Amino acid sequence: ALLQHPLGVAVLPDGSVAVADTYNGAVRRYDPAMGSVGTLAR
């Protein structure tokens, strides 16, 4: 997975991590249990 200059992070109740993927204009989510990344908003 790839990001572009992220500036912010927040932890969701299920333990996954939301990422302010600043230069992609998106909010991404990293799931530690699955070892995967998805996109929540663009």
ModelCIF file with pLDDT and N, C-alpha, C, O atoms, coordinates in Angstrom:
data_MODEL
#
_entry.id   MODEL 
#
_entity.id                         1 
_entity.type                       polymer 
_entity.pdbx_number_of_molecules   1 
#
_entity_poly.entity_id                      1 
_entity_poly.type                           'polypeptide(L)' 
_entity_poly.nstd_linkage                   no 
_entity_poly.nstd_monomer                   no 
_entity_poly.pdbx_seq_one_letter_code       ALLQHPLGVAVLPDGSVAVADTYNGAVRRYDPAMGSVGTLAR 
_entity_poly.pdbx_seq_one_letter_code_can   ALLQHPLGVAVLPDGSVAVADTYNGAVRRYDPAMGSVGTLAR 
_entity_poly.pdbx_strand_id                 A 
#
loop_
_entity_poly_seq.entity_id 
_entity_poly_seq.num 
_entity_poly_seq.mon_id 
_entity_poly_seq.hetero 
1 1  ALA n 
1 2  LEU n 
1 3  LEU n 
1 4  GLN n 
1 5  HIS n 
1 6  PRO n 
1 7  LEU n 
1 8  GLY n 
1 9  VAL n 
1 10 ALA n 
1 11 VAL n 
1 12 LEU n 
1 13 PRO n 
1 14 ASP n 
1 15 GLY n 
1 16 SER n 
1 17 VAL n 
1 18 ALA n 
1 19 VAL n 
1 20 ALA n 
1 21 ASP n 
1 22 THR n 
1 23 TYR n 
1 24 ASN n 
1 25 GLY n 
1 26 ALA n 
1 27 VAL n 
1 28 ARG n 
1 29 ARG n 
1 30 TYR n 
1 31 ASP n 
1 32 PRO n 
1 33 ALA n 
1 34 MET n 
1 35 GLY n 
1 36 SER n 
1 37 VAL n 
1 38 GLY n 
1 39 THR n 
1 40 LEU n 
1 41 ALA n 
1 42 ARG n 
#
_struct_asym.id          A 
_struct_asym.entity_id   1 
#
loop_
_ma_qa_metric.id 
_ma_qa_metric.mode 
_ma_qa_metric.name 
_ma_qa_metric.software_group_id 
_ma_qa_metric.type 
1 global pLDDT . pLDDT 
2 local  pLDDT . pLDDT 
#
_ma_qa_metric_global.metric_id      1 
_ma_qa_metric_global.metric_value   97.52 
_ma_qa_metric_global.model_id       1 
_ma_qa_metric_global.ordinal_id     1 
#
loop_
_ma_qa_metric_local.label_asym_id 
_ma_qa_metric_local.label_comp_id 
_ma_qa_metric_local.label_seq_id 
_ma_qa_metric_local.metric_id 
_ma_qa_metric_local.metric_value 
_ma_qa_metric_local.model_id 
_ma_qa_metric_local.ordinal_id 
A ALA 1  2 98.00 1 1  
A LEU 2  2 98.00 1 2  
A LEU 3  2 98.00 1 3  
A GLN 4  2 98.00 1 4  
A HIS 5  2 98.00 1 5  
A PRO 6  2 98.00 1 6  
A LEU 7  2 98.00 1 7  
A GLY 8  2 98.00 1 8  
A VAL 9  2 98.00 1 9  
A ALA 10 2 98.00 1 10 
A VAL 11 2 98.00 1 11 
A LEU 12 2 97.00 1 12 
A PRO 13 2 96.00 1 13 
A ASP 14 2 95.00 1 14 
A GLY 15 2 95.00 1 15 
A SER 16 2 97.00 1 16 
A VAL 17 2 98.00 1 17 
A ALA 18 2 98.00 1 18 
A VAL 19 2 98.00 1 19 
A ALA 20 2 98.00 1 20 
A ASP 21 2 98.00 1 21 
A THR 22 2 98.00 1 22 
A TYR 23 2 98.00 1 23 
A ASN 24 2 98.00 1 24 
A GLY 25 2 98.00 1 25 
A ALA 26 2 98.00 1 26 
A VAL 27 2 98.00 1 27 
A ARG 28 2 98.00 1 28 
A ARG 29 2 98.00 1 29 
A TYR 30 2 98.00 1 30 
A ASP 31 2 97.00 1 31 
A PRO 32 2 96.00 1 32 
A ALA 33 2 95.00 1 33 
A MET 34 2 96.00 1 34 
A GLY 35 2 97.00 1 35 
A SER 36 2 98.00 1 36 
A VAL 37 2 98.00 1 37 
A GLY 38 2 98.00 1 38 
A THR 39 2 98.00 1 39 
A LEU 40 2 98.00 1 40 
A ALA 41 2 98.00 1 41 
A ARG 42 2 97.00 1 42 
#
loop_
_atom_site.group_PDB 
_atom_site.id 
_atom_site.type_symbol 
_atom_site.label_atom_id 
_atom_site.label_alt_id 
_atom_site.label_comp_id 
_atom_site.label_asym_id 
_atom_site.label_entity_id 
_atom_site.label_seq_id 
_atom_site.pdbx_PDB_ins_code 
_atom_site.Cartn_x 
_atom_site.Cartn_y 
_atom_site.Cartn_z 
_atom_site.occupancy 
_atom_site.B_iso_or_equiv 
_atom_site.pdbx_formal_charge 
_atom_site.auth_seq_id 
_atom_site.auth_comp_id 
_atom_site.auth_asym_id 
_atom_site.auth_atom_id 
_atom_site.pdbx_PDB_model_num 
ATOM 1   N N  . ALA A 1 1  ? 0.829   -1.205 0.000  1.00 98.00 ? 1  ALA A N  1 
ATOM 2   C CA . ALA A 1 1  ? 0.000   0.000  0.000  1.00 98.00 ? 1  ALA A CA 1 
ATOM 3   C C  . ALA A 1 1  ? 0.862   1.254  0.000  1.00 98.00 ? 1  ALA A C  1 
ATOM 4   O O  . ALA A 1 1  ? 2.008   1.241  0.451  1.00 98.00 ? 1  ALA A O  1 
ATOM 5   N N  . LEU A 1 2  ? 0.288   2.341  -0.516 1.00 98.00 ? 2  LEU A N  1 
ATOM 6   C CA . LEU A 1 2  ? 1.028   3.594  -0.634 1.00 98.00 ? 2  LEU A CA 1 
ATOM 7   C C  . LEU A 1 2  ? 0.165   4.767  -0.178 1.00 98.00 ? 2  LEU A C  1 
ATOM 8   O O  . LEU A 1 2  ? -1.036  4.814  -0.441 1.00 98.00 ? 2  LEU A O  1 
ATOM 9   N N  . LEU A 1 3  ? 0.798   5.703  0.504  1.00 98.00 ? 3  LEU A N  1 
ATOM 10  C CA . LEU A 1 3  ? 0.204   6.961  0.933  1.00 98.00 ? 3  LEU A CA 1 
ATOM 11  C C  . LEU A 1 3  ? 0.963   8.106  0.261  1.00 98.00 ? 3  LEU A C  1 
ATOM 12  O O  . LEU A 1 3  ? 1.974   7.883  -0.405 1.00 98.00 ? 3  LEU A O  1 
ATOM 13  N N  . GLN A 1 4  ? 0.458   9.350  0.443  1.00 98.00 ? 4  GLN A N  1 
ATOM 14  C CA . GLN A 1 4  ? 1.170   10.521 -0.078 1.00 98.00 ? 4  GLN A CA 1 
ATOM 15  C C  . GLN A 1 4  ? 1.131   11.643 0.962  1.00 98.00 ? 4  GLN A C  1 
ATOM 16  O O  . GLN A 1 4  ? 0.149   12.377 1.076  1.00 98.00 ? 4  GLN A O  1 
ATOM 17  N N  . HIS A 1 5  ? 2.235   11.754 1.720  1.00 98.00 ? 5  HIS A N  1 
ATOM 18  C CA . HIS A 1 5  ? 2.436   12.832 2.690  1.00 98.00 ? 5  HIS A CA 1 
ATOM 19  C C  . HIS A 1 5  ? 1.276   12.930 3.685  1.00 98.00 ? 5  HIS A C  1 
ATOM 20  O O  . HIS A 1 5  ? 0.582   13.946 3.711  1.00 98.00 ? 5  HIS A O  1 
ATOM 21  N N  . PRO A 1 6  ? 1.052   11.901 4.499  1.00 98.00 ? 6  PRO A N  1 
ATOM 22  C CA . PRO A 1 6  ? -0.020  11.964 5.505  1.00 98.00 ? 6  PRO A CA 1 
ATOM 23  C C  . PRO A 1 6  ? 0.380   12.851 6.679  1.00 98.00 ? 6  PRO A C  1 
ATOM 24  O O  . PRO A 1 6  ? 1.546   12.894 7.070  1.00 98.00 ? 6  PRO A O  1 
ATOM 25  N N  . LEU A 1 7  ? -0.608  13.560 7.238  1.00 98.00 ? 7  LEU A N  1 
ATOM 26  C CA . LEU A 1 7  ? -0.330  14.473 8.348  1.00 98.00 ? 7  LEU A CA 1 
ATOM 27  C C  . LEU A 1 7  ? -1.055  14.118 9.636  1.00 98.00 ? 7  LEU A C  1 
ATOM 28  O O  . LEU A 1 7  ? -0.696  14.630 10.696 1.00 98.00 ? 7  LEU A O  1 
ATOM 29  N N  . GLY A 1 8  ? -2.067  13.255 9.578  1.00 98.00 ? 8  GLY A N  1 
ATOM 30  C CA . GLY A 1 8  ? -2.840  12.991 10.779 1.00 98.00 ? 8  GLY A CA 1 
ATOM 31  C C  . GLY A 1 8  ? -3.216  11.534 10.924 1.00 98.00 ? 8  GLY A C  1 
ATOM 32  O O  . GLY A 1 8  ? -3.293  10.803 9.937  1.00 98.00 ? 8  GLY A O  1 
ATOM 33  N N  . VAL A 1 9  ? -3.455  11.104 12.175 1.00 98.00 ? 9  VAL A N  1 
ATOM 34  C CA . VAL A 1 9  ? -3.887  9.741  12.469 1.00 98.00 ? 9  VAL A CA 1 
ATOM 35  C C  . VAL A 1 9  ? -4.908  9.784  13.607 1.00 98.00 ? 9  VAL A C  1 
ATOM 36  O O  . VAL A 1 9  ? -4.918  10.709 14.419 1.00 98.00 ? 9  VAL A O  1 
ATOM 37  N N  . ALA A 1 10 ? -5.760  8.768  13.644 1.00 98.00 ? 10 ALA A N  1 
ATOM 38  C CA . ALA A 1 10 ? -6.712  8.591  14.738 1.00 98.00 ? 10 ALA A CA 1 
ATOM 39  C C  . ALA A 1 10 ? -6.989  7.107  14.868 1.00 98.00 ? 10 ALA A C  1 
ATOM 40  O O  . ALA A 1 10 ? -6.991  6.380  13.874 1.00 98.00 ? 10 ALA A O  1 
ATOM 41  N N  . VAL A 1 11 ? -7.223  6.655  16.093 1.00 98.00 ? 11 VAL A N  1 
ATOM 42  C CA . VAL A 1 11 ? -7.463  5.239  16.348 1.00 98.00 ? 11 VAL A CA 1 
ATOM 43  C C  . VAL A 1 11 ? -8.962  5.002  16.477 1.00 98.00 ? 11 VAL A C  1 
ATOM 44  O O  . VAL A 1 11 ? -9.638  5.669  17.260 1.00 98.00 ? 11 VAL A O  1 
ATOM 45  N N  . LEU A 1 12 ? -9.479  4.044  15.699 1.00 97.00 ? 12 LEU A N  1 
ATOM 46  C CA . LEU A 1 12 ? -10.887 3.679  15.741 1.00 97.00 ? 12 LEU A CA 1 
ATOM 47  C C  . LEU A 1 12 ? -11.122 2.637  16.837 1.00 97.00 ? 12 LEU A C  1 
ATOM 48  O O  . LEU A 1 12 ? -10.184 1.955  17.248 1.00 97.00 ? 12 LEU A O  1 
ATOM 49  N N  . PRO A 1 13 ? -12.366 2.506  17.315 1.00 96.00 ? 13 PRO A N  1 
ATOM 50  C CA . PRO A 1 13 ? -12.627 1.597  18.436 1.00 96.00 ? 13 PRO A CA 1 
ATOM 51  C C  . PRO A 1 13 ? -12.242 0.145  18.181 1.00 96.00 ? 13 PRO A C  1 
ATOM 52  O O  . PRO A 1 13 ? -11.933 -0.577 19.128 1.00 96.00 ? 13 PRO A O  1 
ATOM 53  N N  . ASP A 1 14 ? -12.254 -0.303 16.928 1.00 95.00 ? 14 ASP A N  1 
ATOM 54  C CA . ASP A 1 14 ? -11.894 -1.690 16.651 1.00 95.00 ? 14 ASP A CA 1 
ATOM 55  C C  . ASP A 1 14 ? -10.388 -1.913 16.579 1.00 95.00 ? 14 ASP A C  1 
ATOM 56  O O  . ASP A 1 14 ? -9.939  -3.016 16.267 1.00 95.00 ? 14 ASP A O  1 
ATOM 57  N N  . GLY A 1 15 ? -9.598  -0.864 16.868 1.00 95.00 ? 15 GLY A N  1 
ATOM 58  C CA . GLY A 1 15 ? -8.147  -0.980 16.836 1.00 95.00 ? 15 GLY A CA 1 
ATOM 59  C C  . GLY A 1 15 ? -7.528  -0.629 15.505 1.00 95.00 ? 15 GLY A C  1 
ATOM 60  O O  . GLY A 1 15 ? -6.304  -0.553 15.401 1.00 95.00 ? 15 GLY A O  1 
ATOM 61  N N  . SER A 1 16 ? -8.343  -0.410 14.473 1.00 97.00 ? 16 SER A N  1 
ATOM 62  C CA . SER A 1 16 ? -7.788  0.030  13.193 1.00 97.00 ? 16 SER A CA 1 
ATOM 63  C C  . SER A 1 16 ? -7.416  1.505  13.280 1.00 97.00 ? 16 SER A C  1 
ATOM 64  O O  . SER A 1 16 ? -7.853  2.208  14.191 1.00 97.00 ? 16 SER A O  1 
ATOM 65  N N  . VAL A 1 17 ? -6.615  1.967  12.336 1.00 98.00 ? 17 VAL A N  1 
ATOM 66  C CA . VAL A 1 17 ? -6.062  3.319  12.380 1.00 98.00 ? 17 VAL A CA 1 
ATOM 67  C C  . VAL A 1 17 ? -6.515  4.094  11.152 1.00 98.00 ? 17 VAL A C  1 
ATOM 68  O O  . VAL A 1 17 ? -6.261  3.687  10.018 1.00 98.00 ? 17 VAL A O  1 
ATOM 69  N N  . ALA A 1 18 ? -7.185  5.212  11.389 1.00 98.00 ? 18 ALA A N  1 
ATOM 70  C CA . ALA A 1 18 ? -7.567  6.109  10.297 1.00 98.00 ? 18 ALA A CA 1 
ATOM 71  C C  . ALA A 1 18 ? -6.419  7.079  10.042 1.00 98.00 ? 18 ALA A C  1 
ATOM 72  O O  . ALA A 1 18 ? -5.813  7.599  10.979 1.00 98.00 ? 18 ALA A O  1 
ATOM 73  N N  . VAL A 1 19 ? -6.132  7.314  8.778  1.00 98.00 ? 19 VAL A N  1 
ATOM 74  C CA . VAL A 1 19 ? -4.996  8.152  8.378  1.00 98.00 ? 19 VAL A CA 1 
ATOM 75  C C  . VAL A 1 19 ? -5.496  9.299  7.510  1.00 98.00 ? 19 VAL A C  1 
ATOM 76  O O  . VAL A 1 19 ? -6.182  9.074  6.513  1.00 98.00 ? 19 VAL A O  1 
ATOM 77  N N  . ALA A 1 20 ? -5.154  10.522 7.885  1.00 98.00 ? 20 ALA A N  1 
ATOM 78  C CA . ALA A 1 20 ? -5.407  11.680 7.023  1.00 98.00 ? 20 ALA A CA 1 
ATOM 79  C C  . ALA A 1 20 ? -4.330  11.688 5.947  1.00 98.00 ? 20 ALA A C  1 
ATOM 80  O O  . ALA A 1 20 ? -3.227  12.191 6.160  1.00 98.00 ? 20 ALA A O  1 
ATOM 81  N N  . ASP A 1 21 ? -4.662  11.125 4.790  1.00 98.00 ? 21 ASP A N  1 
ATOM 82  C CA . ASP A 1 21 ? -3.713  10.984 3.685  1.00 98.00 ? 21 ASP A CA 1 
ATOM 83  C C  . ASP A 1 21 ? -3.741  12.286 2.886  1.00 98.00 ? 21 ASP A C  1 
ATOM 84  O O  . ASP A 1 21 ? -4.418  12.396 1.865  1.00 98.00 ? 21 ASP A O  1 
ATOM 85  N N  . THR A 1 22 ? -3.000  13.248 3.372  1.00 98.00 ? 22 THR A N  1 
ATOM 86  C CA . THR A 1 22 ? -3.201  14.655 3.029  1.00 98.00 ? 22 THR A CA 1 
ATOM 87  C C  . THR A 1 22 ? -3.079  14.937 1.542  1.00 98.00 ? 22 THR A C  1 
ATOM 88  O O  . THR A 1 22 ? -3.979  15.537 0.955  1.00 98.00 ? 22 THR A O  1 
ATOM 89  N N  . TYR A 1 23 ? -1.987  14.518 0.923  1.00 98.00 ? 23 TYR A N  1 
ATOM 90  C CA . TYR A 1 23 ? -1.772  14.879 -0.475 1.00 98.00 ? 23 TYR A CA 1 
ATOM 91  C C  . TYR A 1 23 ? -2.554  14.004 -1.443 1.00 98.00 ? 23 TYR A C  1 
ATOM 92  O O  . TYR A 1 23 ? -2.611  14.315 -2.633 1.00 98.00 ? 23 TYR A O  1 
ATOM 93  N N  . ASN A 1 24 ? -3.156  12.920 -0.968 1.00 98.00 ? 24 ASN A N  1 
ATOM 94  C CA . ASN A 1 24 ? -4.103  12.169 -1.790 1.00 98.00 ? 24 ASN A CA 1 
ATOM 95  C C  . ASN A 1 24 ? -5.533  12.658 -1.581 1.00 98.00 ? 24 ASN A C  1 
ATOM 96  O O  . ASN A 1 24 ? -6.449  12.181 -2.250 1.00 98.00 ? 24 ASN A O  1 
ATOM 97  N N  . GLY A 1 25 ? -5.736  13.600 -0.667 1.00 98.00 ? 25 GLY A N  1 
ATOM 98  C CA . GLY A 1 25 ? -7.072  14.122 -0.417 1.00 98.00 ? 25 GLY A CA 1 
ATOM 99  C C  . GLY A 1 25 ? -8.029  13.054 0.068  1.00 98.00 ? 25 GLY A C  1 
ATOM 100 O O  . GLY A 1 25 ? -9.190  13.025 -0.338 1.00 98.00 ? 25 GLY A O  1 
ATOM 101 N N  . ALA A 1 26 ? -7.545  12.170 0.944  1.00 98.00 ? 26 ALA A N  1 
ATOM 102 C CA . ALA A 1 26 ? -8.326  11.002 1.321  1.00 98.00 ? 26 ALA A CA 1 
ATOM 103 C C  . ALA A 1 26 ? -8.172  10.687 2.792  1.00 98.00 ? 26 ALA A C  1 
ATOM 104 O O  . ALA A 1 26 ? -7.245  11.157 3.452  1.00 98.00 ? 26 ALA A O  1 
ATOM 105 N N  . VAL A 1 27 ? -9.105  9.876  3.301  1.00 98.00 ? 27 VAL A N  1 
ATOM 106 C CA . VAL A 1 27 ? -8.969  9.250  4.611  1.00 98.00 ? 27 VAL A CA 1 
ATOM 107 C C  . VAL A 1 27 ? -8.817  7.759  4.365  1.00 98.00 ? 27 VAL A C  1 
ATOM 108 O O  . VAL A 1 27 ? -9.676  7.135  3.742  1.00 98.00 ? 27 VAL A O  1 
ATOM 109 N N  . ARG A 1 28 ? -7.732  7.195  4.849  1.00 98.00 ? 28 ARG A N  1 
ATOM 110 C CA . ARG A 1 28 ? -7.439  5.773  4.660  1.00 98.00 ? 28 ARG A CA 1 
ATOM 111 C C  . ARG A 1 28 ? -7.587  5.047  5.997  1.00 98.00 ? 28 ARG A C  1 
ATOM 112 O O  . ARG A 1 28 ? -7.603  5.675  7.055  1.00 98.00 ? 28 ARG A O  1 
ATOM 113 N N  . ARG A 1 29 ? -7.695  3.720  5.938  1.00 98.00 ? 29 ARG A N  1 
ATOM 114 C CA . ARG A 1 29 ? -7.765  2.931  7.166  1.00 98.00 ? 29 ARG A CA 1 
ATOM 115 C C  . ARG A 1 29 ? -6.806  1.754  7.079  1.00 98.00 ? 29 ARG A C  1 
ATOM 116 O O  . ARG A 1 29 ? -6.812  0.991  6.113  1.00 98.00 ? 29 ARG A O  1 
ATOM 117 N N  . TYR A 1 30 ? -5.986  1.628  8.113  1.00 98.00 ? 30 TYR A N  1 
ATOM 118 C CA . TYR A 1 30 ? -5.093  0.480  8.239  1.00 98.00 ? 30 TYR A CA 1 
ATOM 119 C C  . TYR A 1 30 ? -5.672  -0.470 9.272  1.00 98.00 ? 30 TYR A C  1 
ATOM 120 O O  . TYR A 1 30 ? -5.977  -0.065 10.393 1.00 98.00 ? 30 TYR A O  1 
ATOM 121 N N  . ASP A 1 31 ? -5.825  -1.738 8.895  1.00 97.00 ? 31 ASP A N  1 
ATOM 122 C CA . ASP A 1 31 ? -6.352  -2.773 9.784  1.00 97.00 ? 31 ASP A CA 1 
ATOM 123 C C  . ASP A 1 31 ? -5.193  -3.646 10.238 1.00 97.00 ? 31 ASP A C  1 
ATOM 124 O O  . ASP A 1 31 ? -4.706  -4.463 9.456  1.00 97.00 ? 31 ASP A O  1 
ATOM 125 N N  . PRO A 1 32 ? -4.734  -3.497 11.488 1.00 96.00 ? 32 PRO A N  1 
ATOM 126 C CA . PRO A 1 32 ? -3.592  -4.301 11.942 1.00 96.00 ? 32 PRO A CA 1 
ATOM 127 C C  . PRO A 1 32 ? -3.881  -5.798 11.942 1.00 96.00 ? 32 PRO A C  1 
ATOM 128 O O  . PRO A 1 32 ? -2.983  -6.602 11.692 1.00 96.00 ? 32 PRO A O  1 
ATOM 129 N N  . ALA A 1 33 ? -5.128  -6.178 12.220 1.00 95.00 ? 33 ALA A N  1 
ATOM 130 C CA . ALA A 1 33 ? -5.453  -7.602 12.278 1.00 95.00 ? 33 ALA A CA 1 
ATOM 131 C C  . ALA A 1 33 ? -5.322  -8.259 10.906 1.00 95.00 ? 33 ALA A C  1 
ATOM 132 O O  . ALA A 1 33 ? -4.853  -9.392 10.800 1.00 95.00 ? 33 ALA A O  1 
ATOM 133 N N  . MET A 1 34 ? -5.734  -7.551 9.862  1.00 96.00 ? 34 MET A N  1 
ATOM 134 C CA . MET A 1 34 ? -5.681  -8.099 8.506  1.00 96.00 ? 34 MET A CA 1 
ATOM 135 C C  . MET A 1 34 ? -4.414  -7.695 7.759  1.00 96.00 ? 34 MET A C  1 
ATOM 136 O O  . MET A 1 34 ? -4.089  -8.272 6.721  1.00 96.00 ? 34 MET A O  1 
ATOM 137 N N  . GLY A 1 35 ? -3.701  -6.704 8.290  1.00 97.00 ? 35 GLY A N  1 
ATOM 138 C CA . GLY A 1 35 ? -2.519  -6.220 7.585  1.00 97.00 ? 35 GLY A CA 1 
ATOM 139 C C  . GLY A 1 35 ? -2.858  -5.601 6.253  1.00 97.00 ? 35 GLY A C  1 
ATOM 140 O O  . GLY A 1 35 ? -2.141  -5.796 5.271  1.00 97.00 ? 35 GLY A O  1 
ATOM 141 N N  . SER A 1 36 ? -3.960  -4.847 6.210  1.00 98.00 ? 36 SER A N  1 
ATOM 142 C CA . SER A 1 36 ? -4.429  -4.306 4.942  1.00 98.00 ? 36 SER A CA 1 
ATOM 143 C C  . SER A 1 36 ? -4.815  -2.848 5.083  1.00 98.00 ? 36 SER A C  1 
ATOM 144 O O  . SER A 1 36 ? -5.022  -2.351 6.190  1.00 98.00 ? 36 SER A O  1 
ATOM 145 N N  . VAL A 1 37 ? -4.912  -2.161 3.940  1.00 98.00 ? 37 VAL A N  1 
ATOM 146 C CA . VAL A 1 37 ? -5.261  -0.743 3.872  1.00 98.00 ? 37 VAL A CA 1 
ATOM 147 C C  . VAL A 1 37 ? -6.448  -0.571 2.936  1.00 98.00 ? 37 VAL A C  1 
ATOM 148 O O  . VAL A 1 37 ? -6.498  -1.187 1.872  1.00 98.00 ? 37 VAL A O  1 
ATOM 149 N N  . GLY A 1 38 ? -7.413  0.274  3.334  1.00 98.00 ? 38 GLY A N  1 
ATOM 150 C CA . GLY A 1 38 ? -8.538  0.638  2.486  1.00 98.00 ? 38 GLY A CA 1 
ATOM 151 C C  . GLY A 1 38 ? -8.789  2.128  2.566  1.00 98.00 ? 38 GLY A C  1 
ATOM 152 O O  . GLY A 1 38 ? -8.144  2.837  3.337  1.00 98.00 ? 38 GLY A O  1 
ATOM 153 N N  . THR A 1 39 ? -9.732  2.600  1.762  1.00 98.00 ? 39 THR A N  1 
ATOM 154 C CA . THR A 1 39 ? -10.042 4.028  1.694  1.00 98.00 ? 39 THR A CA 1 
ATOM 155 C C  . THR A 1 39 ? -11.441 4.276  2.231  1.00 98.00 ? 39 THR A C  1 
ATOM 156 O O  . THR A 1 39 ? -12.402 3.636  1.805  1.00 98.00 ? 39 THR A O  1 
ATOM 157 N N  . LEU A 1 40 ? -11.550 5.214  3.175  1.00 98.00 ? 40 LEU A N  1 
ATOM 158 C CA . LEU A 1 40 ? -12.830 5.567  3.785  1.00 98.00 ? 40 LEU A CA 1 
ATOM 159 C C  . LEU A 1 40 ? -13.498 6.756  3.109  1.00 98.00 ? 40 LEU A C  1 
ATOM 160 O O  . LEU A 1 40 ? -14.727 6.815  3.064  1.00 98.00 ? 40 LEU A O  1 
ATOM 161 N N  . ALA A 1 41 ? -12.736 7.698  2.585  1.00 98.00 ? 41 ALA A N  1 
ATOM 162 C CA . ALA A 1 41 ? -13.299 8.893  1.960  1.00 98.00 ? 41 ALA A CA 1 
ATOM 163 C C  . ALA A 1 41 ? -12.274 9.469  0.989  1.00 98.00 ? 41 ALA A C  1 
ATOM 164 O O  . ALA A 1 41 ? -11.067 9.317  1.179  1.00 98.00 ? 41 ALA A O  1 
ATOM 165 N N  . ARG A 1 42 ? -12.771 10.133 -0.055 1.00 97.00 ? 42 ARG A N  1 
ATOM 166 C CA . ARG A 1 42 ? -11.904 10.743 -1.070 1.00 97.00 ? 42 ARG A CA 1 
ATOM 167 C C  . ARG A 1 42 ? -12.381 12.156 -1.368 1.00 97.00 ? 42 ARG A C  1 
ATOM 168 O O  . ARG A 1 42 ? -11.787 12.846 -2.197 1.00 97.00 ? 42 ARG A O  1 
#
